[in-house]
Amino acid sequence: MRKEEKYQIIESLSEKLKNSDVIYLTDTSGLNVETINNLRRLCFRRQVSMQVVKNTLLRKAMEKSEKNFESLYEALVGPTSVMLSDTGNVPAKLIKEFRKKQAKPSLKAAYIDQAVFIGDDQLEALTQIKSREELIGDLIGLLQSPAQNVISALQSGGNTIAGVVKTLSERDES
């Protein structure tokens, strides 16, 4: 590979890393071409970008980006594939689903909104991370709950109060 090609790869990868808050580093070594292609198709369907890169080029791209990836450098050993996504848990769920049939890809590390996860044992925790949309939905649900309780209490209380007033008015008349 010529210097110009390496420079272009570093520039392109650095720009992708700069614009992404969800970065997974995986090991796909030992997978045959057909299996890798199946993984790429699944990534495409889930809107996850996957790229196999050399560790030295990836490290230079990380250094060139404006984020602090120092804690990920220790994971840059052996073959590395980079998965980029807009949602924190999608690549983890994708890896977990794919591993029902295959032993790999294994998770080396993940960088999600400045949080770093190292090692394959973190995969289950990463699948539990909620997306932005899920968090907003939970928040709206929590905010609506007290209001719904007040409204239902007022509605049921209104019937009770009306009954009490009616009973009291009937007593006064007799």
N, C-alpha and C. Protein backbone atom coordinates (compact mmCIF):
# COMPACT_ATOMS: atom_id res chain seq x y z
N MET A 1 0.85 -1.18 0.00
CA MET A 1 0.00 0.00 0.00
C MET A 1 0.89 1.24 0.00
N ARG A 2 0.57 2.16 -0.89
CA ARG A 2 1.38 3.37 -1.02
C ARG A 2 1.00 4.37 0.06
N LYS A 3 1.90 5.34 0.26
CA LYS A 3 1.69 6.37 1.29
C LYS A 3 0.41 7.15 1.04
N GLU A 4 0.14 7.46 -0.22
CA GLU A 4 -1.06 8.24 -0.54
C GLU A 4 -2.32 7.49 -0.14
N GLU A 5 -2.33 6.18 -0.40
CA GLU A 5 -3.48 5.35 -0.04
C GLU A 5 -3.66 5.31 1.48
N LYS A 6 -2.56 5.13 2.18
CA LYS A 6 -2.62 5.12 3.65
C LYS A 6 -3.13 6.44 4.19
N TYR A 7 -2.64 7.53 3.60
CA TYR A 7 -3.07 8.85 4.03
C TYR A 7 -4.57 9.04 3.80
N GLN A 8 -5.07 8.60 2.67
CA GLN A 8 -6.50 8.70 2.37
C GLN A 8 -7.34 7.88 3.34
N ILE A 9 -6.87 6.68 3.66
CA ILE A 9 -7.59 5.82 4.62
C ILE A 9 -7.62 6.48 5.99
N ILE A 10 -6.48 7.01 6.42
CA ILE A 10 -6.42 7.68 7.73
C ILE A 10 -7.35 8.89 7.76
N GLU A 11 -7.34 9.69 6.70
CA GLU A 11 -8.21 10.88 6.63
C GLU A 11 -9.69 10.47 6.69
N SER A 12 -10.06 9.50 5.89
CA SER A 12 -11.46 9.04 5.83
C SER A 12 -11.90 8.47 7.18
N LEU A 13 -11.07 7.64 7.74
CA LEU A 13 -11.39 7.00 9.02
C LEU A 13 -11.43 8.03 10.15
N SER A 14 -10.52 8.98 10.13
CA SER A 14 -10.49 10.03 11.15
C SER A 14 -11.79 10.85 11.11
N GLU A 15 -12.26 11.15 9.92
CA GLU A 15 -13.50 11.91 9.77
C GLU A 15 -14.70 11.10 10.29
N LYS A 16 -14.71 9.80 9.99
CA LYS A 16 -15.80 8.94 10.47
C LYS A 16 -15.79 8.87 12.00
N LEU A 17 -14.61 8.72 12.58
CA LEU A 17 -14.50 8.64 14.04
C LEU A 17 -14.92 9.95 14.70
N LYS A 18 -14.57 11.06 14.07
CA LYS A 18 -14.90 12.38 14.60
C LYS A 18 -16.42 12.59 14.63
N ASN A 19 -17.12 12.04 13.64
CA ASN A 19 -18.55 12.26 13.51
C ASN A 19 -19.41 11.18 14.17
N SER A 20 -18.79 10.20 14.80
CA SER A 20 -19.54 9.12 15.40
C SER A 20 -19.31 9.06 16.91
N ASP A 21 -20.39 8.86 17.66
CA ASP A 21 -20.28 8.71 19.11
C ASP A 21 -20.38 7.25 19.54
N VAL A 22 -20.62 6.35 18.59
CA VAL A 22 -20.73 4.92 18.88
C VAL A 22 -19.74 4.17 18.01
N ILE A 23 -18.69 3.65 18.65
CA ILE A 23 -17.62 2.97 17.93
C ILE A 23 -17.33 1.64 18.62
N TYR A 24 -17.43 0.57 17.87
CA TYR A 24 -17.13 -0.76 18.38
C TYR A 24 -15.91 -1.30 17.66
N LEU A 25 -14.98 -1.87 18.40
CA LEU A 25 -13.83 -2.55 17.82
C LEU A 25 -14.03 -4.04 18.03
N THR A 26 -14.03 -4.80 16.94
CA THR A 26 -14.31 -6.23 17.03
C THR A 26 -13.21 -7.04 16.37
N ASP A 27 -13.20 -8.32 16.68
CA ASP A 27 -12.27 -9.27 16.08
C ASP A 27 -13.08 -10.22 15.21
N THR A 28 -12.85 -10.17 13.91
CA THR A 28 -13.56 -11.06 12.98
C THR A 28 -12.61 -12.07 12.35
N SER A 29 -11.45 -12.25 12.94
CA SER A 29 -10.48 -13.18 12.36
C SER A 29 -11.04 -14.60 12.42
N GLY A 30 -10.68 -15.38 11.45
CA GLY A 30 -11.12 -16.77 11.41
C GLY A 30 -12.46 -16.97 10.70
N LEU A 31 -13.14 -15.88 10.37
CA LEU A 31 -14.40 -16.01 9.64
C LEU A 31 -14.11 -16.09 8.15
N ASN A 32 -14.79 -17.00 7.46
CA ASN A 32 -14.57 -17.11 6.02
C ASN A 32 -15.29 -15.99 5.29
N VAL A 33 -15.06 -15.89 3.99
CA VAL A 33 -15.59 -14.79 3.18
C VAL A 33 -17.12 -14.77 3.22
N GLU A 34 -17.74 -15.92 3.11
CA GLU A 34 -19.21 -15.99 3.11
C GLU A 34 -19.77 -15.48 4.44
N THR A 35 -19.17 -15.86 5.54
CA THR A 35 -19.63 -15.43 6.86
C THR A 35 -19.42 -13.92 7.04
N ILE A 36 -18.27 -13.41 6.60
CA ILE A 36 -18.02 -11.97 6.68
C ILE A 36 -19.04 -11.21 5.86
N ASN A 37 -19.36 -11.72 4.67
CA ASN A 37 -20.36 -11.06 3.82
C ASN A 37 -21.74 -11.08 4.49
N ASN A 38 -22.08 -12.17 5.16
CA ASN A 38 -23.35 -12.23 5.90
C ASN A 38 -23.38 -11.19 7.02
N LEU A 39 -22.24 -11.05 7.70
CA LEU A 39 -22.13 -10.06 8.76
C LEU A 39 -22.26 -8.64 8.18
N ARG A 40 -21.62 -8.39 7.08
CA ARG A 40 -21.72 -7.07 6.43
C ARG A 40 -23.16 -6.76 6.02
N ARG A 41 -23.87 -7.77 5.48
CA ARG A 41 -25.28 -7.57 5.09
C ARG A 41 -26.13 -7.22 6.30
N LEU A 42 -25.91 -7.95 7.39
CA LEU A 42 -26.66 -7.69 8.63
C LEU A 42 -26.35 -6.29 9.14
N CYS A 43 -25.09 -5.90 9.09
CA CYS A 43 -24.70 -4.54 9.50
C CYS A 43 -25.41 -3.51 8.62
N PHE A 44 -25.44 -3.73 7.33
CA PHE A 44 -26.09 -2.80 6.41
C PHE A 44 -27.58 -2.65 6.74
N ARG A 45 -28.25 -3.78 7.00
CA ARG A 45 -29.68 -3.75 7.33
C ARG A 45 -29.94 -2.99 8.63
N ARG A 46 -29.00 -3.05 9.56
CA ARG A 46 -29.18 -2.38 10.86
C ARG A 46 -28.57 -0.99 10.89
N GLN A 47 -28.12 -0.51 9.76
CA GLN A 47 -27.51 0.81 9.61
C GLN A 47 -26.26 0.96 10.46
N VAL A 48 -25.43 -0.08 10.43
CA VAL A 48 -24.14 -0.08 11.11
C VAL A 48 -23.07 -0.16 10.04
N SER A 49 -22.13 0.76 10.09
CA SER A 49 -21.02 0.76 9.14
C SER A 49 -19.91 -0.14 9.69
N MET A 50 -19.42 -1.07 8.85
CA MET A 50 -18.36 -1.98 9.30
C MET A 50 -17.19 -1.89 8.33
N GLN A 51 -15.98 -1.79 8.89
CA GLN A 51 -14.79 -1.68 8.06
C GLN A 51 -13.64 -2.41 8.75
N VAL A 52 -12.96 -3.26 7.99
CA VAL A 52 -11.77 -3.94 8.50
C VAL A 52 -10.59 -3.01 8.24
N VAL A 53 -9.80 -2.74 9.29
CA VAL A 53 -8.68 -1.80 9.16
C VAL A 53 -7.43 -2.34 9.83
N LYS A 54 -6.31 -1.81 9.39
CA LYS A 54 -5.05 -2.13 10.06
C LYS A 54 -4.97 -1.31 11.34
N ASN A 55 -4.44 -1.93 12.38
CA ASN A 55 -4.36 -1.26 13.68
C ASN A 55 -3.54 0.02 13.65
N THR A 56 -2.45 0.02 12.90
CA THR A 56 -1.60 1.22 12.85
C THR A 56 -2.36 2.38 12.20
N LEU A 57 -3.10 2.10 11.15
CA LEU A 57 -3.87 3.15 10.48
C LEU A 57 -5.01 3.64 11.37
N LEU A 58 -5.64 2.70 12.06
CA LEU A 58 -6.73 3.06 12.96
C LEU A 58 -6.21 3.93 14.11
N ARG A 59 -5.08 3.56 14.64
CA ARG A 59 -4.51 4.35 15.74
C ARG A 59 -4.16 5.78 15.28
N LYS A 60 -3.58 5.89 14.09
CA LYS A 60 -3.25 7.23 13.56
C LYS A 60 -4.52 8.03 13.33
N ALA A 61 -5.58 7.37 12.84
CA ALA A 61 -6.87 8.06 12.63
C ALA A 61 -7.46 8.50 13.97
N MET A 62 -7.32 7.66 14.99
CA MET A 62 -7.81 8.01 16.34
C MET A 62 -7.05 9.21 16.88
N GLU A 63 -5.74 9.21 16.70
CA GLU A 63 -4.93 10.31 17.18
C GLU A 63 -5.27 11.61 16.44
N LYS A 64 -5.61 11.48 15.18
CA LYS A 64 -5.91 12.65 14.37
C LYS A 64 -7.30 13.21 14.66
N SER A 65 -8.21 12.37 15.08
CA SER A 65 -9.57 12.85 15.39
C SER A 65 -9.50 13.71 16.66
N GLU A 66 -10.56 14.41 16.93
CA GLU A 66 -10.56 15.35 18.05
C GLU A 66 -11.05 14.72 19.36
N LYS A 67 -11.12 13.40 19.41
CA LYS A 67 -11.61 12.71 20.60
C LYS A 67 -10.46 11.99 21.29
N ASN A 68 -10.68 11.67 22.55
CA ASN A 68 -9.67 10.98 23.34
C ASN A 68 -9.92 9.47 23.30
N PHE A 69 -9.16 8.76 22.48
CA PHE A 69 -9.31 7.32 22.33
C PHE A 69 -8.17 6.54 22.99
N GLU A 70 -7.39 7.19 23.83
CA GLU A 70 -6.20 6.54 24.41
C GLU A 70 -6.52 5.22 25.08
N SER A 71 -7.65 5.12 25.77
CA SER A 71 -7.97 3.89 26.48
C SER A 71 -8.32 2.75 25.53
N LEU A 72 -8.55 3.05 24.26
CA LEU A 72 -8.85 2.00 23.28
C LEU A 72 -7.59 1.42 22.64
N TYR A 73 -6.46 2.11 22.80
CA TYR A 73 -5.24 1.67 22.13
C TYR A 73 -4.83 0.25 22.53
N GLU A 74 -5.09 -0.13 23.77
CA GLU A 74 -4.70 -1.48 24.22
C GLU A 74 -5.48 -2.56 23.48
N ALA A 75 -6.64 -2.23 22.92
CA ALA A 75 -7.45 -3.21 22.18
C ALA A 75 -6.99 -3.37 20.74
N LEU A 76 -6.07 -2.53 20.30
CA LEU A 76 -5.61 -2.59 18.92
C LEU A 76 -4.51 -3.63 18.75
N VAL A 77 -4.90 -4.88 18.95
CA VAL A 77 -3.99 -6.01 18.80
C VAL A 77 -4.72 -7.05 17.94
N GLY A 78 -4.02 -7.59 16.95
CA GLY A 78 -4.65 -8.58 16.08
C GLY A 78 -5.60 -7.91 15.10
N PRO A 79 -6.29 -8.71 14.29
CA PRO A 79 -7.21 -8.16 13.30
C PRO A 79 -8.34 -7.36 13.95
N THR A 80 -8.63 -6.21 13.38
CA THR A 80 -9.64 -5.32 13.95
C THR A 80 -10.64 -4.88 12.90
N SER A 81 -11.91 -4.96 13.26
CA SER A 81 -12.99 -4.41 12.44
C SER A 81 -13.63 -3.30 13.25
N VAL A 82 -13.95 -2.20 12.59
CA VAL A 82 -14.58 -1.07 13.25
C VAL A 82 -16.05 -1.05 12.85
N MET A 83 -16.92 -0.96 13.85
CA MET A 83 -18.35 -0.81 13.61
C MET A 83 -18.78 0.56 14.12
N LEU A 84 -19.43 1.33 13.26
CA LEU A 84 -19.91 2.66 13.63
C LEU A 84 -21.43 2.69 13.51
N SER A 85 -22.07 3.33 14.49
CA SER A 85 -23.53 3.38 14.50
C SER A 85 -24.00 4.68 15.13
N ASP A 86 -25.28 4.99 14.94
CA ASP A 86 -25.87 6.15 15.60
C ASP A 86 -26.49 5.79 16.93
N THR A 87 -26.75 4.50 17.15
CA THR A 87 -27.40 4.03 18.37
C THR A 87 -26.45 3.13 19.14
N GLY A 88 -26.32 3.37 20.45
CA GLY A 88 -25.32 2.69 21.27
C GLY A 88 -25.45 1.19 21.38
N ASN A 89 -26.67 0.66 21.40
CA ASN A 89 -26.83 -0.76 21.64
C ASN A 89 -27.01 -1.60 20.36
N VAL A 90 -27.18 -0.98 19.22
CA VAL A 90 -27.43 -1.72 17.99
C VAL A 90 -26.26 -2.65 17.60
N PRO A 91 -25.01 -2.18 17.59
CA PRO A 91 -23.93 -3.10 17.26
C PRO A 91 -23.80 -4.26 18.26
N ALA A 92 -24.03 -4.00 19.53
CA ALA A 92 -23.94 -5.06 20.54
C ALA A 92 -25.02 -6.11 20.30
N LYS A 93 -26.23 -5.67 20.03
CA LYS A 93 -27.31 -6.62 19.74
C LYS A 93 -27.02 -7.39 18.46
N LEU A 94 -26.45 -6.71 17.47
CA LEU A 94 -26.09 -7.34 16.21
C LEU A 94 -25.04 -8.43 16.44
N ILE A 95 -24.01 -8.11 17.20
CA ILE A 95 -22.96 -9.09 17.50
C ILE A 95 -23.54 -10.28 18.25
N LYS A 96 -24.37 -10.00 19.23
CA LYS A 96 -24.96 -11.07 20.03
C LYS A 96 -25.83 -11.98 19.16
N GLU A 97 -26.62 -11.39 18.28
CA GLU A 97 -27.46 -12.17 17.38
C GLU A 97 -26.62 -13.01 16.43
N PHE A 98 -25.57 -12.41 15.87
CA PHE A 98 -24.72 -13.11 14.91
C PHE A 98 -23.98 -14.26 15.58
N ARG A 99 -23.65 -14.11 16.85
CA ARG A 99 -22.90 -15.16 17.56
C ARG A 99 -23.76 -16.34 17.96
N LYS A 100 -25.04 -16.31 17.69
CA LYS A 100 -25.86 -17.49 17.93
C LYS A 100 -25.47 -18.61 16.95
N LYS A 101 -24.94 -18.20 15.77
CA LYS A 101 -24.54 -19.17 14.75
C LYS A 101 -23.02 -19.29 14.62
N GLN A 102 -22.28 -18.26 15.03
CA GLN A 102 -20.84 -18.21 14.89
C GLN A 102 -20.19 -17.88 16.23
N ALA A 103 -18.92 -18.21 16.36
CA ALA A 103 -18.20 -17.88 17.59
C ALA A 103 -17.73 -16.42 17.60
N LYS A 104 -17.65 -15.85 16.43
CA LYS A 104 -17.17 -14.47 16.31
C LYS A 104 -18.19 -13.67 15.55
N PRO A 105 -18.16 -12.38 15.56
CA PRO A 105 -17.10 -11.50 16.02
C PRO A 105 -17.10 -11.37 17.54
N SER A 106 -15.91 -11.17 18.07
CA SER A 106 -15.80 -10.92 19.50
C SER A 106 -15.53 -9.43 19.71
N LEU A 107 -16.02 -8.93 20.81
CA LEU A 107 -15.87 -7.51 21.12
C LEU A 107 -14.52 -7.26 21.76
N LYS A 108 -13.75 -6.36 21.18
CA LYS A 108 -12.48 -5.94 21.77
C LYS A 108 -12.71 -4.76 22.69
N ALA A 109 -13.44 -3.76 22.16
CA ALA A 109 -13.69 -2.55 22.94
C ALA A 109 -14.84 -1.77 22.28
N ALA A 110 -15.42 -0.87 23.06
CA ALA A 110 -16.47 0.00 22.54
C ALA A 110 -16.31 1.38 23.15
N TYR A 111 -16.65 2.39 22.36
CA TYR A 111 -16.60 3.78 22.78
C TYR A 111 -17.99 4.34 22.50
N ILE A 112 -18.73 4.66 23.56
CA ILE A 112 -20.09 5.16 23.41
C ILE A 112 -20.23 6.44 24.21
N ASP A 113 -20.39 7.55 23.50
CA ASP A 113 -20.55 8.87 24.14
C ASP A 113 -19.51 9.10 25.23
N GLN A 114 -18.26 8.89 24.93
CA GLN A 114 -17.11 9.11 25.80
C GLN A 114 -16.92 8.03 26.87
N ALA A 115 -17.83 7.07 26.96
CA ALA A 115 -17.66 5.94 27.88
C ALA A 115 -16.94 4.82 27.13
N VAL A 116 -16.00 4.17 27.80
CA VAL A 116 -15.21 3.13 27.17
C VAL A 116 -15.50 1.79 27.84
N PHE A 117 -15.71 0.77 27.01
CA PHE A 117 -15.96 -0.58 27.47
C PHE A 117 -14.90 -1.47 26.84
N ILE A 118 -14.14 -2.20 27.68
CA ILE A 118 -13.05 -3.03 27.18
C ILE A 118 -13.39 -4.50 27.44
N GLY A 119 -13.28 -5.32 26.43
CA GLY A 119 -13.42 -6.76 26.58
C GLY A 119 -14.77 -7.30 26.14
N ASP A 120 -14.75 -8.56 25.75
CA ASP A 120 -15.94 -9.24 25.27
C ASP A 120 -16.98 -9.45 26.37
N ASP A 121 -16.54 -9.45 27.62
CA ASP A 121 -17.47 -9.64 28.73
C ASP A 121 -18.41 -8.44 28.92
N GLN A 122 -18.14 -7.35 28.25
CA GLN A 122 -18.98 -6.15 28.33
C GLN A 122 -20.15 -6.18 27.35
N LEU A 123 -20.21 -7.20 26.50
CA LEU A 123 -21.23 -7.25 25.45
C LEU A 123 -22.65 -7.23 26.01
N GLU A 124 -22.90 -8.01 27.04
CA GLU A 124 -24.25 -8.07 27.63
C GLU A 124 -24.66 -6.70 28.18
N ALA A 125 -23.74 -6.03 28.85
CA ALA A 125 -24.04 -4.69 29.38
C ALA A 125 -24.34 -3.71 28.26
N LEU A 126 -23.63 -3.84 27.16
CA LEU A 126 -23.83 -2.94 26.02
C LEU A 126 -25.19 -3.16 25.35
N THR A 127 -25.69 -4.39 25.39
CA THR A 127 -27.01 -4.63 24.80
C THR A 127 -28.11 -3.98 25.63
N GLN A 128 -27.84 -3.72 26.89
CA GLN A 128 -28.84 -3.13 27.78
C GLN A 128 -28.88 -1.61 27.72
N ILE A 129 -27.91 -1.01 27.07
CA ILE A 129 -27.88 0.45 26.95
C ILE A 129 -29.09 0.89 26.14
N LYS A 130 -29.78 1.88 26.63
CA LYS A 130 -30.96 2.37 25.92
C LYS A 130 -30.58 3.43 24.90
N SER A 131 -31.31 3.41 23.80
CA SER A 131 -31.08 4.41 22.76
C SER A 131 -31.68 5.74 23.20
N ARG A 132 -31.34 6.76 22.48
CA ARG A 132 -31.86 8.10 22.78
C ARG A 132 -33.39 8.10 22.73
N GLU A 133 -33.95 7.46 21.72
CA GLU A 133 -35.40 7.41 21.55
C GLU A 133 -36.06 6.66 22.71
N GLU A 134 -35.45 5.55 23.15
CA GLU A 134 -35.99 4.78 24.27
C GLU A 134 -35.97 5.61 25.55
N LEU A 135 -34.89 6.35 25.77
CA LEU A 135 -34.79 7.20 26.97
C LEU A 135 -35.83 8.31 26.95
N ILE A 136 -36.04 8.91 25.79
CA ILE A 136 -37.06 9.96 25.68
C ILE A 136 -38.44 9.37 25.95
N GLY A 137 -38.72 8.19 25.42
CA GLY A 137 -40.00 7.52 25.66
C GLY A 137 -40.21 7.24 27.14
N ASP A 138 -39.17 6.74 27.81
CA ASP A 138 -39.26 6.49 29.25
C ASP A 138 -39.52 7.78 30.02
N LEU A 139 -38.82 8.84 29.65
CA LEU A 139 -38.98 10.12 30.32
C LEU A 139 -40.40 10.66 30.14
N ILE A 140 -40.92 10.58 28.93
CA ILE A 140 -42.29 11.04 28.68
C ILE A 140 -43.28 10.21 29.49
N GLY A 141 -43.06 8.91 29.55
CA GLY A 141 -43.92 8.03 30.35
C GLY A 141 -43.90 8.41 31.82
N LEU A 142 -42.71 8.72 32.33
CA LEU A 142 -42.60 9.11 33.74
C LEU A 142 -43.27 10.46 34.00
N LEU A 143 -43.13 11.37 33.05
CA LEU A 143 -43.75 12.68 33.21
C LEU A 143 -45.27 12.60 33.10
N GLN A 144 -45.78 11.72 32.27
CA GLN A 144 -47.22 11.59 32.10
C GLN A 144 -47.88 10.88 33.28
N SER A 145 -47.16 10.00 33.91
CA SER A 145 -47.74 9.20 34.98
C SER A 145 -48.36 10.03 36.11
N PRO A 146 -47.65 11.00 36.71
CA PRO A 146 -48.26 11.80 37.77
C PRO A 146 -49.47 12.60 37.27
N ALA A 147 -49.38 13.12 36.08
CA ALA A 147 -50.49 13.91 35.54
C ALA A 147 -51.71 13.02 35.35
N GLN A 148 -51.50 11.82 34.89
CA GLN A 148 -52.62 10.90 34.71
C GLN A 148 -53.23 10.52 36.05
N ASN A 149 -52.39 10.36 37.06
CA ASN A 149 -52.91 10.04 38.40
C ASN A 149 -53.76 11.18 38.94
N VAL A 150 -53.32 12.40 38.76
CA VAL A 150 -54.07 13.56 39.24
C VAL A 150 -55.41 13.66 38.51
N ILE A 151 -55.38 13.50 37.20
CA ILE A 151 -56.61 13.60 36.42
C ILE A 151 -57.60 12.51 36.82
N SER A 152 -57.12 11.28 36.97
CA SER A 152 -58.04 10.20 37.36
C SER A 152 -58.56 10.41 38.77
N ALA A 153 -57.73 10.93 39.66
CA ALA A 153 -58.19 11.20 41.03
C ALA A 153 -59.25 12.30 41.03
N LEU A 154 -59.04 13.32 40.22
CA LEU A 154 -60.03 14.40 40.13
C LEU A 154 -61.33 13.89 39.52
N GLN A 155 -61.23 13.05 38.53
CA GLN A 155 -62.43 12.52 37.89
C GLN A 155 -63.21 11.62 38.85
N SER A 156 -62.52 10.73 39.53
CA SER A 156 -63.22 9.85 40.46
C SER A 156 -63.66 10.63 41.69
N GLY A 157 -62.84 11.57 42.11
CA GLY A 157 -63.20 12.41 43.26
C GLY A 157 -64.38 13.29 42.94
N GLY A 158 -64.50 13.73 41.69
CA GLY A 158 -65.62 14.56 41.28
C GLY A 158 -66.93 13.82 41.45
N ASN A 159 -66.95 12.56 41.11
CA ASN A 159 -68.16 11.76 41.29
C ASN A 159 -68.47 11.59 42.77
N THR A 160 -67.45 11.38 43.59
CA THR A 160 -67.64 11.22 45.02
C THR A 160 -68.14 12.53 45.64
N ILE A 161 -67.50 13.62 45.27
CA ILE A 161 -67.91 14.93 45.81
C ILE A 161 -69.34 15.25 45.39
N ALA A 162 -69.68 14.98 44.12
CA ALA A 162 -71.04 15.23 43.66
C ALA A 162 -72.04 14.39 44.44
N GLY A 163 -71.67 13.16 44.73
CA GLY A 163 -72.56 12.28 45.52
C GLY A 163 -72.74 12.80 46.93
N VAL A 164 -71.65 13.26 47.54
CA VAL A 164 -71.73 13.79 48.91
C VAL A 164 -72.59 15.05 48.94
N VAL A 165 -72.40 15.94 47.97
CA VAL A 165 -73.17 17.19 47.90
C VAL A 165 -74.66 16.86 47.70
N LYS A 166 -74.94 15.92 46.85
CA LYS A 166 -76.33 15.54 46.60
C LYS A 166 -76.97 14.98 47.86
N THR A 167 -76.23 14.12 48.56
CA THR A 167 -76.74 13.53 49.80
C THR A 167 -76.98 14.60 50.84
N LEU A 168 -76.03 15.53 50.99
CA LEU A 168 -76.18 16.61 51.97
C LEU A 168 -77.36 17.51 51.61
N SER A 169 -77.56 17.78 50.34
CA SER A 169 -78.67 18.64 49.96
C SER A 169 -80.00 17.94 50.20
N GLU A 170 -80.04 16.64 50.03
CA GLU A 170 -81.28 15.90 50.30
C GLU A 170 -81.55 15.87 51.79
N ARG A 171 -80.57 15.83 52.64
CA ARG A 171 -80.75 15.82 54.11
C ARG A 171 -81.34 17.13 54.56
N ASP A 172 -80.86 18.25 54.00
CA ASP A 172 -81.32 19.56 54.43
C ASP A 172 -82.79 19.75 54.10
N GLU A 173 -83.23 19.17 53.02
CA GLU A 173 -84.61 19.31 52.61
C GLU A 173 -85.56 18.53 53.51
N SER A 174 -85.13 17.46 54.09
CA SER A 174 -86.03 16.66 54.91
C SER A 174 -86.07 17.03 56.33
